[in-house]
Amino acid sequence: MAYKIVGISGSPVKKGNTDTFLEMILKDAGERGLDTDIVKLSEMTIKNCLHCNFCLSKQKAAKYCALKDDAQLLFDKLETADIIVLGSPVYFLRTSGMMATFLDRLRVFIFGNVAGGKLKNKIGISAGVAWNRHGGLETTHLSHLYAFITLDMIPATTHSCISPLGASALSSRHGEGVFDPKIRIGINEDQAGMKSGKALLSRALELVALIDKRGD
């Protein structure tokens, strides 16, 4: 059975640089034989976690959270994934607010009486898109990596590309932060960024194979 990879886009811009970067990574995954699925938070309604503690004792199948929105659909997708990719634009030197809201809701997989621990040992890839070369990519990756660690997941990291923390792409030419109205999707010109996506995917596949082997 093929490994499954789920990509989550935390960009409010539909078909923008982050969506495109994530699609590139999952296209590569599909060409390597993985079952792929992309979810765009811009197309969903995800409410803020209330820390109401419903998930501690009242979870049941198909209802991990008291809030009524689209989150359960995402919970179900993540639960069946082997590799999870979090993709976000850099906002204020960190992951987007949309992504942060979603990450808060993953509390159901930490303390949940039904779902608790169900993301343990899944492989996580961080993907970030920045306008400036030194404009917050590493802190965006750290936002995602902290989430993976909190969920007992295994972050995919590698030194064989431009950042050991995650797939890193620049949306302005060379990351200079200069606006060019002729360029809509700037990451298409960032060859190093696209290669970093392939490198992180390769590392994730190496890790998931090791986990799978241990389970034999």
N, C-alpha and C. Protein backbone atom coordinates (compact mmCIF):
# COMPACT_ATOMS: atom_id res chain seq x y z
N MET A 1 0.84 -1.19 0.00
CA MET A 1 0.00 0.00 0.00
C MET A 1 0.88 1.24 0.00
N ALA A 2 0.51 2.22 -0.82
CA ALA A 2 1.31 3.44 -0.95
C ALA A 2 1.22 4.29 0.31
N TYR A 3 2.32 4.96 0.64
CA TYR A 3 2.28 5.91 1.74
C TYR A 3 1.38 7.09 1.34
N LYS A 4 0.77 7.70 2.35
CA LYS A 4 -0.12 8.84 2.10
C LYS A 4 0.50 10.11 2.65
N ILE A 5 0.46 11.17 1.86
CA ILE A 5 0.97 12.47 2.27
C ILE A 5 -0.15 13.50 2.16
N VAL A 6 -0.33 14.27 3.21
CA VAL A 6 -1.35 15.32 3.24
C VAL A 6 -0.67 16.67 3.41
N GLY A 7 -0.97 17.59 2.53
CA GLY A 7 -0.42 18.94 2.61
C GLY A 7 -1.48 19.93 3.06
N ILE A 8 -1.14 20.79 4.01
CA ILE A 8 -2.04 21.81 4.52
C ILE A 8 -1.49 23.18 4.15
N SER A 9 -2.25 23.96 3.40
CA SER A 9 -1.83 25.32 3.05
C SER A 9 -2.46 26.31 4.01
N GLY A 10 -1.61 27.12 4.65
CA GLY A 10 -2.09 28.14 5.58
C GLY A 10 -2.09 29.53 4.97
N SER A 11 -2.22 29.61 3.67
CA SER A 11 -2.24 30.92 3.02
C SER A 11 -3.67 31.35 2.70
N PRO A 12 -4.01 32.62 2.96
CA PRO A 12 -5.33 33.11 2.57
C PRO A 12 -5.41 33.46 1.08
N VAL A 13 -4.27 33.43 0.40
CA VAL A 13 -4.22 33.77 -1.02
C VAL A 13 -4.39 32.50 -1.85
N LYS A 14 -5.49 32.38 -2.51
CA LYS A 14 -5.76 31.18 -3.30
C LYS A 14 -4.90 31.18 -4.57
N LYS A 15 -4.28 30.04 -4.83
CA LYS A 15 -3.43 29.83 -6.01
C LYS A 15 -2.24 30.79 -6.03
N GLY A 16 -1.80 31.17 -4.83
CA GLY A 16 -0.64 32.04 -4.72
C GLY A 16 0.65 31.24 -4.57
N ASN A 17 1.67 31.87 -4.04
CA ASN A 17 2.98 31.22 -3.94
C ASN A 17 2.99 30.03 -3.01
N THR A 18 2.32 30.13 -1.85
CA THR A 18 2.33 29.01 -0.91
C THR A 18 1.57 27.83 -1.46
N ASP A 19 0.37 28.06 -2.00
CA ASP A 19 -0.39 26.97 -2.61
C ASP A 19 0.42 26.30 -3.72
N THR A 20 1.08 27.12 -4.53
CA THR A 20 1.86 26.59 -5.65
C THR A 20 3.05 25.77 -5.15
N PHE A 21 3.74 26.26 -4.13
CA PHE A 21 4.89 25.55 -3.58
C PHE A 21 4.45 24.20 -3.01
N LEU A 22 3.36 24.21 -2.27
CA LEU A 22 2.84 22.97 -1.70
C LEU A 22 2.43 21.99 -2.79
N GLU A 23 1.81 22.50 -3.83
CA GLU A 23 1.40 21.64 -4.94
C GLU A 23 2.61 21.03 -5.64
N MET A 24 3.71 21.79 -5.74
CA MET A 24 4.94 21.26 -6.33
C MET A 24 5.46 20.08 -5.51
N ILE A 25 5.47 20.24 -4.19
CA ILE A 25 5.98 19.19 -3.32
C ILE A 25 5.11 17.93 -3.44
N LEU A 26 3.79 18.12 -3.44
CA LEU A 26 2.91 16.95 -3.52
C LEU A 26 2.88 16.34 -4.92
N LYS A 27 3.13 17.16 -5.94
CA LYS A 27 3.25 16.61 -7.30
C LYS A 27 4.45 15.68 -7.36
N ASP A 28 5.56 16.11 -6.76
CA ASP A 28 6.76 15.27 -6.69
C ASP A 28 6.46 13.99 -5.92
N ALA A 29 5.69 14.13 -4.83
CA ALA A 29 5.33 12.95 -4.03
C ALA A 29 4.49 11.98 -4.85
N GLY A 30 3.55 12.51 -5.63
CA GLY A 30 2.72 11.66 -6.47
C GLY A 30 3.54 10.92 -7.52
N GLU A 31 4.54 11.62 -8.06
CA GLU A 31 5.41 10.98 -9.06
C GLU A 31 6.28 9.89 -8.44
N ARG A 32 6.45 9.95 -7.12
CA ARG A 32 7.21 8.92 -6.41
C ARG A 32 6.32 7.80 -5.88
N GLY A 33 5.05 7.86 -6.24
CA GLY A 33 4.14 6.77 -5.90
C GLY A 33 3.31 6.96 -4.65
N LEU A 34 3.35 8.16 -4.04
CA LEU A 34 2.57 8.40 -2.84
C LEU A 34 1.14 8.79 -3.18
N ASP A 35 0.24 8.49 -2.26
CA ASP A 35 -1.15 8.93 -2.34
C ASP A 35 -1.18 10.35 -1.78
N THR A 36 -1.63 11.33 -2.56
CA THR A 36 -1.52 12.73 -2.16
C THR A 36 -2.88 13.38 -1.92
N ASP A 37 -2.87 14.36 -1.02
CA ASP A 37 -4.09 15.11 -0.71
C ASP A 37 -3.67 16.50 -0.24
N ILE A 38 -4.28 17.53 -0.78
CA ILE A 38 -3.99 18.91 -0.38
C ILE A 38 -5.25 19.54 0.20
N VAL A 39 -5.07 20.21 1.33
CA VAL A 39 -6.16 20.94 1.96
C VAL A 39 -5.74 22.40 2.07
N LYS A 40 -6.62 23.29 1.64
CA LYS A 40 -6.34 24.73 1.71
C LYS A 40 -7.25 25.35 2.77
N LEU A 41 -6.62 25.86 3.81
CA LEU A 41 -7.39 26.43 4.92
C LEU A 41 -8.22 27.62 4.47
N SER A 42 -7.82 28.26 3.37
CA SER A 42 -8.58 29.39 2.84
C SER A 42 -9.96 28.98 2.36
N GLU A 43 -10.16 27.70 2.13
CA GLU A 43 -11.44 27.19 1.63
C GLU A 43 -12.26 26.53 2.74
N MET A 44 -11.79 26.66 3.98
CA MET A 44 -12.45 25.99 5.08
C MET A 44 -12.76 26.97 6.20
N THR A 45 -13.63 26.55 7.11
CA THR A 45 -13.92 27.34 8.30
C THR A 45 -13.33 26.61 9.50
N ILE A 46 -12.30 27.22 10.09
CA ILE A 46 -11.64 26.65 11.26
C ILE A 46 -11.72 27.69 12.39
N LYS A 47 -12.44 27.36 13.44
CA LYS A 47 -12.61 28.28 14.56
C LYS A 47 -11.44 28.18 15.54
N ASN A 48 -11.33 29.17 16.40
CA ASN A 48 -10.29 29.18 17.42
C ASN A 48 -10.58 28.16 18.52
N CYS A 49 -9.53 27.47 18.95
CA CYS A 49 -9.66 26.57 20.08
C CYS A 49 -10.06 27.36 21.32
N LEU A 50 -11.02 26.83 22.09
CA LEU A 50 -11.51 27.50 23.29
C LEU A 50 -10.91 26.93 24.58
N HIS A 51 -10.11 25.88 24.44
CA HIS A 51 -9.60 25.18 25.62
C HIS A 51 -10.74 24.82 26.57
N CYS A 52 -11.82 24.33 25.98
CA CYS A 52 -12.99 23.97 26.78
C CYS A 52 -12.82 22.59 27.42
N ASN A 53 -11.79 21.84 26.96
CA ASN A 53 -11.46 20.51 27.48
C ASN A 53 -12.47 19.43 27.12
N PHE A 54 -13.33 19.71 26.15
CA PHE A 54 -14.22 18.67 25.63
C PHE A 54 -13.42 17.45 25.19
N CYS A 55 -12.28 17.71 24.54
CA CYS A 55 -11.50 16.62 23.95
C CYS A 55 -10.87 15.69 24.99
N LEU A 56 -10.80 16.13 26.21
CA LEU A 56 -10.15 15.31 27.23
C LEU A 56 -10.97 14.08 27.60
N SER A 57 -12.28 14.20 27.56
CA SER A 57 -13.10 13.08 28.04
C SER A 57 -14.37 12.80 27.24
N LYS A 58 -14.70 13.69 26.30
CA LYS A 58 -16.00 13.54 25.61
C LYS A 58 -15.87 13.20 24.14
N GLN A 59 -14.66 12.95 23.67
CA GLN A 59 -14.50 12.58 22.26
C GLN A 59 -15.21 11.28 21.95
N LYS A 60 -15.69 11.19 20.71
CA LYS A 60 -16.19 9.92 20.19
C LYS A 60 -15.83 9.88 18.72
N ALA A 61 -16.02 8.76 18.08
CA ALA A 61 -15.66 8.63 16.67
C ALA A 61 -16.34 9.73 15.85
N ALA A 62 -15.54 10.38 14.99
CA ALA A 62 -16.01 11.44 14.09
C ALA A 62 -16.43 12.71 14.81
N LYS A 63 -16.12 12.82 16.10
CA LYS A 63 -16.37 14.07 16.83
C LYS A 63 -15.31 14.24 17.90
N TYR A 64 -14.20 14.84 17.50
CA TYR A 64 -13.07 15.00 18.42
C TYR A 64 -13.11 16.32 19.17
N CYS A 65 -13.98 17.24 18.72
CA CYS A 65 -14.00 18.59 19.27
C CYS A 65 -15.44 19.08 19.38
N ALA A 66 -15.71 19.92 20.37
CA ALA A 66 -17.07 20.44 20.56
C ALA A 66 -17.47 21.46 19.50
N LEU A 67 -16.47 22.14 18.90
CA LEU A 67 -16.78 23.19 17.94
C LEU A 67 -17.32 22.61 16.63
N LYS A 68 -18.26 23.31 16.05
CA LYS A 68 -18.88 22.88 14.80
C LYS A 68 -18.29 23.70 13.65
N ASP A 69 -17.39 23.07 12.92
CA ASP A 69 -16.77 23.71 11.75
C ASP A 69 -16.20 22.60 10.87
N ASP A 70 -15.18 22.92 10.08
CA ASP A 70 -14.61 21.93 9.14
C ASP A 70 -13.43 21.16 9.71
N ALA A 71 -13.11 21.37 10.98
CA ALA A 71 -11.89 20.77 11.53
C ALA A 71 -11.90 19.25 11.53
N GLN A 72 -13.06 18.62 11.79
CA GLN A 72 -13.09 17.16 11.86
C GLN A 72 -12.68 16.53 10.54
N LEU A 73 -13.02 17.16 9.44
CA LEU A 73 -12.59 16.66 8.13
C LEU A 73 -11.07 16.60 8.06
N LEU A 74 -10.42 17.64 8.59
CA LEU A 74 -8.96 17.66 8.60
C LEU A 74 -8.40 16.64 9.58
N PHE A 75 -9.04 16.50 10.75
CA PHE A 75 -8.59 15.50 11.71
C PHE A 75 -8.56 14.11 11.06
N ASP A 76 -9.62 13.80 10.33
CA ASP A 76 -9.73 12.48 9.69
C ASP A 76 -8.62 12.28 8.66
N LYS A 77 -8.31 13.33 7.89
CA LYS A 77 -7.27 13.23 6.87
C LYS A 77 -5.90 13.02 7.52
N LEU A 78 -5.61 13.79 8.57
CA LEU A 78 -4.31 13.68 9.22
C LEU A 78 -4.12 12.32 9.88
N GLU A 79 -5.19 11.79 10.41
CA GLU A 79 -5.12 10.51 11.11
C GLU A 79 -4.70 9.38 10.17
N THR A 80 -5.06 9.49 8.89
CA THR A 80 -4.74 8.44 7.93
C THR A 80 -3.44 8.71 7.17
N ALA A 81 -2.80 9.85 7.44
CA ALA A 81 -1.59 10.22 6.71
C ALA A 81 -0.35 9.58 7.32
N ASP A 82 0.65 9.35 6.47
CA ASP A 82 1.98 8.95 6.94
C ASP A 82 2.90 10.15 7.05
N ILE A 83 2.71 11.11 6.13
CA ILE A 83 3.52 12.33 6.09
C ILE A 83 2.58 13.53 6.04
N ILE A 84 2.86 14.53 6.86
CA ILE A 84 2.05 15.75 6.89
C ILE A 84 2.94 16.94 6.57
N VAL A 85 2.52 17.75 5.60
CA VAL A 85 3.27 18.94 5.21
C VAL A 85 2.49 20.17 5.62
N LEU A 86 3.10 21.03 6.41
CA LEU A 86 2.50 22.30 6.78
C LEU A 86 3.14 23.40 5.95
N GLY A 87 2.36 24.05 5.10
CA GLY A 87 2.88 25.10 4.24
C GLY A 87 2.28 26.45 4.59
N SER A 88 3.14 27.45 4.80
CA SER A 88 2.64 28.77 5.19
C SER A 88 3.49 29.88 4.60
N PRO A 89 2.86 31.01 4.29
CA PRO A 89 3.63 32.21 3.99
C PRO A 89 4.17 32.76 5.30
N VAL A 90 5.20 33.57 5.22
CA VAL A 90 5.74 34.23 6.41
C VAL A 90 4.91 35.47 6.71
N TYR A 91 4.33 35.51 7.90
CA TYR A 91 3.58 36.68 8.37
C TYR A 91 4.22 37.15 9.68
N PHE A 92 4.69 38.37 9.73
CA PHE A 92 5.29 38.93 10.94
C PHE A 92 6.35 37.98 11.52
N LEU A 93 7.21 37.49 10.63
CA LEU A 93 8.33 36.62 10.99
C LEU A 93 7.90 35.29 11.62
N ARG A 94 6.72 34.82 11.26
CA ARG A 94 6.24 33.54 11.79
C ARG A 94 5.20 32.97 10.84
N THR A 95 4.67 31.81 11.22
CA THR A 95 3.62 31.20 10.40
C THR A 95 2.38 32.07 10.39
N SER A 96 1.50 31.85 9.43
CA SER A 96 0.30 32.69 9.31
C SER A 96 -0.66 32.46 10.46
N GLY A 97 -1.50 33.45 10.73
CA GLY A 97 -2.51 33.31 11.76
C GLY A 97 -3.48 32.19 11.44
N MET A 98 -3.77 32.01 10.17
CA MET A 98 -4.66 30.93 9.74
C MET A 98 -4.08 29.57 10.11
N MET A 99 -2.79 29.40 9.89
CA MET A 99 -2.13 28.15 10.23
C MET A 99 -2.06 27.98 11.76
N ALA A 100 -1.76 29.06 12.47
CA ALA A 100 -1.66 28.99 13.93
C ALA A 100 -2.99 28.57 14.55
N THR A 101 -4.09 29.09 14.01
CA THR A 101 -5.41 28.70 14.51
C THR A 101 -5.65 27.22 14.31
N PHE A 102 -5.27 26.72 13.15
CA PHE A 102 -5.43 25.30 12.88
C PHE A 102 -4.56 24.45 13.80
N LEU A 103 -3.31 24.87 14.01
CA LEU A 103 -2.41 24.11 14.88
C LEU A 103 -2.95 24.03 16.30
N ASP A 104 -3.55 25.11 16.78
CA ASP A 104 -4.14 25.08 18.12
C ASP A 104 -5.22 24.00 18.24
N ARG A 105 -5.93 23.77 17.15
CA ARG A 105 -7.01 22.78 17.18
C ARG A 105 -6.49 21.34 17.22
N LEU A 106 -5.20 21.16 16.92
CA LEU A 106 -4.63 19.80 16.96
C LEU A 106 -4.42 19.32 18.39
N ARG A 107 -4.82 20.14 19.35
CA ARG A 107 -4.82 19.73 20.76
C ARG A 107 -5.61 18.43 20.95
N VAL A 108 -6.57 18.19 20.06
CA VAL A 108 -7.39 16.97 20.17
C VAL A 108 -6.54 15.70 20.07
N PHE A 109 -5.37 15.81 19.42
CA PHE A 109 -4.50 14.65 19.24
C PHE A 109 -3.46 14.52 20.36
N ILE A 110 -3.49 15.44 21.30
CA ILE A 110 -2.57 15.36 22.43
C ILE A 110 -3.27 14.78 23.65
N PHE A 111 -4.41 15.39 24.00
CA PHE A 111 -5.10 15.00 25.23
C PHE A 111 -6.37 14.18 25.00
N GLY A 112 -6.76 13.99 23.76
CA GLY A 112 -8.04 13.37 23.48
C GLY A 112 -8.22 11.96 24.02
N ASN A 113 -9.38 11.69 24.58
CA ASN A 113 -9.64 10.36 25.12
C ASN A 113 -9.79 9.31 24.02
N VAL A 114 -10.05 9.74 22.79
CA VAL A 114 -10.12 8.83 21.63
C VAL A 114 -8.93 9.06 20.70
N ALA A 115 -8.66 10.32 20.37
CA ALA A 115 -7.65 10.65 19.36
C ALA A 115 -6.26 10.90 19.91
N GLY A 116 -6.12 10.95 21.21
CA GLY A 116 -4.82 11.24 21.80
C GLY A 116 -3.74 10.28 21.32
N GLY A 117 -2.64 10.84 20.84
CA GLY A 117 -1.51 10.02 20.39
C GLY A 117 -1.61 9.50 18.97
N LYS A 118 -2.67 9.83 18.25
CA LYS A 118 -2.85 9.25 16.92
C LYS A 118 -1.96 9.88 15.84
N LEU A 119 -1.28 10.97 16.16
CA LEU A 119 -0.31 11.53 15.21
C LEU A 119 1.12 11.16 15.59
N LYS A 120 1.28 10.40 16.65
CA LYS A 120 2.60 10.01 17.12
C LYS A 120 3.35 9.23 16.03
N ASN A 121 4.61 9.62 15.82
CA ASN A 121 5.53 8.99 14.88
C ASN A 121 5.16 9.20 13.41
N LYS A 122 4.18 10.06 13.13
CA LYS A 122 3.99 10.47 11.74
C LYS A 122 5.10 11.46 11.40
N ILE A 123 5.42 11.56 10.13
CA ILE A 123 6.52 12.42 9.69
C ILE A 123 5.98 13.78 9.29
N GLY A 124 6.62 14.84 9.78
CA GLY A 124 6.19 16.20 9.46
C GLY A 124 7.22 16.95 8.63
N ILE A 125 6.73 17.65 7.62
CA ILE A 125 7.58 18.52 6.79
C ILE A 125 7.06 19.95 6.94
N SER A 126 7.97 20.87 7.21
CA SER A 126 7.61 22.29 7.21
C SER A 126 7.97 22.89 5.85
N ALA A 127 7.04 23.69 5.31
CA ALA A 127 7.28 24.41 4.06
C ALA A 127 6.91 25.87 4.27
N GLY A 128 7.82 26.76 3.92
CA GLY A 128 7.56 28.18 4.10
C GLY A 128 7.89 28.99 2.87
N VAL A 129 7.17 30.09 2.69
CA VAL A 129 7.43 31.01 1.57
C VAL A 129 7.61 32.41 2.14
N ALA A 130 8.75 33.03 1.83
CA ALA A 130 9.06 34.37 2.33
C ALA A 130 9.25 35.34 1.17
N TRP A 131 8.95 36.60 1.43
CA TRP A 131 9.16 37.66 0.44
C TRP A 131 10.63 38.08 0.45
N ASN A 132 11.20 38.21 1.66
CA ASN A 132 12.60 38.61 1.79
C ASN A 132 13.48 37.40 2.13
N ARG A 133 14.72 37.44 1.67
CA ARG A 133 15.65 36.34 1.89
C ARG A 133 15.83 36.03 3.37
N HIS A 134 15.91 37.08 4.19
CA HIS A 134 16.07 36.90 5.63
C HIS A 134 14.84 37.47 6.35
N GLY A 135 13.68 37.04 5.90
CA GLY A 135 12.44 37.64 6.40
C GLY A 135 11.54 36.72 7.19
N GLY A 136 12.10 35.74 7.89
CA GLY A 136 11.27 34.94 8.78
C GLY A 136 11.05 33.49 8.43
N LEU A 137 11.80 32.98 7.46
CA LEU A 137 11.61 31.57 7.10
C LEU A 137 11.92 30.63 8.26
N GLU A 138 13.02 30.89 8.96
CA GLU A 138 13.40 29.96 10.02
C GLU A 138 12.41 29.99 11.18
N THR A 139 11.89 31.16 11.52
CA THR A 139 10.92 31.22 12.60
C THR A 139 9.58 30.62 12.17
N THR A 140 9.26 30.71 10.90
CA THR A 140 8.06 30.04 10.39
C THR A 140 8.22 28.53 10.49
N HIS A 141 9.39 28.04 10.09
CA HIS A 141 9.65 26.60 10.23
C HIS A 141 9.57 26.17 11.69
N LEU A 142 10.12 26.98 12.57
CA LEU A 142 10.09 26.62 14.00
C LEU A 142 8.66 26.54 14.52
N SER A 143 7.77 27.41 14.03
CA SER A 143 6.37 27.33 14.42
C SER A 143 5.80 25.95 14.10
N HIS A 144 6.16 25.44 12.94
CA HIS A 144 5.67 24.13 12.50
C HIS A 144 6.38 23.00 13.25
N LEU A 145 7.69 23.14 13.40
CA LEU A 145 8.46 22.09 14.07
C LEU A 145 8.05 21.93 15.53
N TYR A 146 7.76 23.05 16.19
CA TYR A 146 7.28 22.97 17.58
C TYR A 146 5.97 22.19 17.64
N ALA A 147 5.11 22.40 16.65
CA ALA A 147 3.84 21.67 16.60
C ALA A 147 4.11 20.17 16.43
N PHE A 148 5.01 19.82 15.51
CA PHE A 148 5.33 18.40 15.30
C PHE A 148 5.85 17.78 16.59
N ILE A 149 6.74 18.48 17.27
CA ILE A 149 7.33 17.95 18.50
C ILE A 149 6.26 17.77 19.58
N THR A 150 5.37 18.76 19.70
CA THR A 150 4.31 18.69 20.70
C THR A 150 3.39 17.50 20.45
N LEU A 151 3.21 17.16 19.18
CA LEU A 151 2.33 16.06 18.80
C LEU A 151 3.05 14.70 18.77
N ASP A 152 4.31 14.67 19.22
CA ASP A 152 5.13 13.45 19.19
C ASP A 152 5.35 12.93 17.78
N MET A 153 5.31 13.86 16.81
CA MET A 153 5.64 13.51 15.44
C MET A 153 7.16 13.57 15.25
N ILE A 154 7.61 13.17 14.08
CA ILE A 154 9.04 13.18 13.77
C ILE A 154 9.28 14.19 12.64
N PRO A 155 9.93 15.32 12.93
CA PRO A 155 10.18 16.32 11.89
C PRO A 155 11.23 15.83 10.89
N ALA A 156 10.95 16.07 9.63
CA ALA A 156 11.93 15.78 8.58
C ALA A 156 12.84 17.00 8.44
N THR A 157 14.12 16.83 8.69
CA THR A 157 15.09 17.91 8.55
C THR A 157 16.30 17.38 7.78
N THR A 158 16.96 18.26 7.06
CA THR A 158 18.12 17.83 6.29
C THR A 158 19.04 19.01 6.00
N HIS A 159 20.34 18.73 5.94
CA HIS A 159 21.33 19.75 5.61
C HIS A 159 21.62 19.78 4.11
N SER A 160 20.96 18.91 3.35
CA SER A 160 21.29 18.81 1.93
C SER A 160 20.51 19.80 1.07
N CYS A 161 20.11 20.93 1.66
CA CYS A 161 19.45 21.98 0.88
C CYS A 161 19.68 23.32 1.58
N ILE A 162 18.97 24.35 1.21
CA ILE A 162 19.27 25.69 1.69
C ILE A 162 18.89 25.93 3.14
N SER A 163 18.04 25.10 3.72
CA SER A 163 17.71 25.22 5.14
C SER A 163 17.50 23.84 5.72
N PRO A 164 18.14 23.52 6.85
CA PRO A 164 17.94 22.21 7.47
C PRO A 164 16.56 22.08 8.13
N LEU A 165 15.86 23.19 8.28
CA LEU A 165 14.59 23.17 9.03
C LEU A 165 13.38 22.84 8.17
N GLY A 166 13.45 23.13 6.88
CA GLY A 166 12.28 22.88 6.06
C GLY A 166 12.44 23.37 4.64
N ALA A 167 11.45 23.04 3.81
CA ALA A 167 11.42 23.50 2.43
C ALA A 167 11.21 25.01 2.42
N SER A 168 12.08 25.74 1.73
CA SER A 168 12.12 27.20 1.85
C SER A 168 12.15 27.86 0.49
N ALA A 169 11.13 28.64 0.18
CA ALA A 169 11.05 29.30 -1.12
C ALA A 169 10.89 30.80 -0.95
N LEU A 170 11.37 31.54 -1.94
CA LEU A 170 11.31 33.00 -1.95
C LEU A 170 10.37 33.47 -3.05
N SER A 171 9.49 34.41 -2.71
CA SER A 171 8.50 34.86 -3.69
C SER A 171 8.92 36.12 -4.43
N SER A 172 9.99 36.79 -3.98
CA SER A 172 10.56 37.89 -4.77
C SER A 172 11.88 37.41 -5.36
N ARG A 173 12.26 37.97 -6.48
CA ARG A 173 13.47 37.50 -7.17
C ARG A 173 14.69 37.61 -6.27
N HIS A 174 15.35 36.47 -6.08
CA HIS A 174 16.54 36.36 -5.22
C HIS A 174 16.26 36.77 -3.77
N GLY A 175 14.99 36.88 -3.41
CA GLY A 175 14.65 37.29 -2.06
C GLY A 175 15.00 38.74 -1.75
N GLU A 176 15.11 39.57 -2.79
CA GLU A 176 15.52 40.96 -2.61
C GLU A 176 14.38 41.86 -2.14
N GLY A 177 13.15 41.35 -2.17
CA GLY A 177 12.02 42.15 -1.72
C GLY A 177 11.62 43.26 -2.68
N VAL A 178 11.99 43.13 -3.94
CA VAL A 178 11.65 44.14 -4.95
C VAL A 178 10.41 43.66 -5.72
N PHE A 179 9.38 44.48 -5.75
CA PHE A 179 8.13 44.10 -6.42
C PHE A 179 8.25 44.24 -7.93
N ASP A 180 7.85 43.20 -8.64
CA ASP A 180 7.82 43.22 -10.10
C ASP A 180 6.40 42.82 -10.52
N PRO A 181 5.61 43.75 -11.04
CA PRO A 181 4.21 43.45 -11.39
C PRO A 181 4.06 42.37 -12.45
N LYS A 182 5.14 42.08 -13.16
CA LYS A 182 5.06 41.05 -14.21
C LYS A 182 5.16 39.63 -13.63
N ILE A 183 5.58 39.53 -12.37
CA ILE A 183 5.77 38.21 -11.76
C ILE A 183 4.63 37.94 -10.78
N ARG A 184 3.80 36.94 -11.08
CA ARG A 184 2.68 36.59 -10.21
C ARG A 184 3.10 35.53 -9.18
N ILE A 185 3.79 34.49 -9.66
CA ILE A 185 4.22 33.41 -8.77
C ILE A 185 5.75 33.39 -8.78
N GLY A 186 6.33 34.12 -7.86
CA GLY A 186 7.79 34.30 -7.84
C GLY A 186 8.56 33.04 -7.51
N ILE A 187 7.96 32.11 -6.77
CA ILE A 187 8.72 30.91 -6.41
C ILE A 187 9.10 30.08 -7.63
N ASN A 188 8.41 30.29 -8.76
CA ASN A 188 8.75 29.54 -9.97
C ASN A 188 10.17 29.85 -10.44
N GLU A 189 10.70 31.01 -10.02
CA GLU A 189 12.05 31.38 -10.41
C GLU A 189 13.09 31.00 -9.35
N ASP A 190 12.62 30.43 -8.26
CA ASP A 190 13.52 30.08 -7.16
C ASP A 190 13.89 28.60 -7.25
N GLN A 191 14.91 28.29 -8.03
CA GLN A 191 15.31 26.91 -8.24
C GLN A 191 15.78 26.24 -6.95
N ALA A 192 16.53 26.99 -6.13
CA ALA A 192 17.02 26.43 -4.87
C ALA A 192 15.85 26.09 -3.95
N GLY A 193 14.83 26.94 -3.96
CA GLY A 193 13.66 26.68 -3.14
C GLY A 193 12.93 25.42 -3.57
N MET A 194 12.76 25.25 -4.87
CA MET A 194 12.08 24.05 -5.36
C MET A 194 12.89 22.79 -5.06
N LYS A 195 14.21 22.90 -5.14
CA LYS A 195 15.06 21.76 -4.80
C LYS A 195 14.95 21.41 -3.32
N SER A 196 14.75 22.44 -2.49
CA SER A 196 14.62 22.17 -1.05
C SER A 196 13.36 21.36 -0.77
N GLY A 197 12.31 21.61 -1.54
CA GLY A 197 11.09 20.81 -1.38
C GLY A 197 11.34 19.35 -1.68
N LYS A 198 12.10 19.08 -2.74
CA LYS A 198 12.43 17.70 -3.10
C LYS A 198 13.31 17.06 -2.03
N ALA A 199 14.25 17.83 -1.49
CA ALA A 199 15.17 17.30 -0.48
C ALA A 199 14.43 16.91 0.80
N LEU A 200 13.50 17.77 1.23
CA LEU A 200 12.74 17.47 2.45
C LEU A 200 11.81 16.27 2.23
N LEU A 201 11.25 16.15 1.04
CA LEU A 201 10.40 15.01 0.75
C LEU A 201 11.22 13.72 0.77
N SER A 202 12.42 13.76 0.21
CA SER A 202 13.29 12.57 0.22
C SER A 202 13.61 12.14 1.64
N ARG A 203 13.89 13.12 2.50
CA ARG A 203 14.19 12.80 3.89
C ARG A 203 12.96 12.22 4.60
N ALA A 204 11.79 12.78 4.32
CA ALA A 204 10.55 12.28 4.93
C ALA A 204 10.30 10.83 4.50
N LEU A 205 10.56 10.52 3.25
CA LEU A 205 10.36 9.16 2.77
C LEU A 205 11.34 8.20 3.42
N GLU A 206 12.56 8.67 3.64
CA GLU A 206 13.56 7.85 4.34
C GLU A 206 13.08 7.54 5.76
N LEU A 207 12.54 8.54 6.43
CA LEU A 207 12.08 8.36 7.81
C LEU A 207 10.86 7.47 7.89
N VAL A 208 9.92 7.67 6.99
CA VAL A 208 8.69 6.86 7.06
C VAL A 208 8.99 5.40 6.75
N ALA A 209 9.97 5.16 5.89
CA ALA A 209 10.38 3.78 5.60
C ALA A 209 11.01 3.13 6.83
N LEU A 210 11.79 3.90 7.58
CA LEU A 210 12.39 3.37 8.81
C LEU A 210 11.33 3.03 9.83
N ILE A 211 10.33 3.91 9.98
CA ILE A 211 9.24 3.64 10.92
C ILE A 211 8.47 2.40 10.48
N ASP A 212 8.21 2.30 9.20
CA ASP A 212 7.47 1.16 8.67
C ASP A 212 8.23 -0.15 8.89
N LYS A 213 9.54 -0.11 8.71
CA LYS A 213 10.37 -1.30 8.90
C LYS A 213 10.34 -1.76 10.36
N ARG A 214 10.36 -0.80 11.28
CA ARG A 214 10.33 -1.14 12.70
C ARG A 214 8.99 -1.77 13.10
N GLY A 215 7.95 -1.42 12.31
CA GLY A 215 6.64 -1.97 12.63
C GLY A 215 6.41 -3.37 12.11
N ASP A 216 7.35 -3.86 11.28
CA ASP A 216 7.21 -5.22 10.73
C ASP A 216 7.36 -6.29 11.81
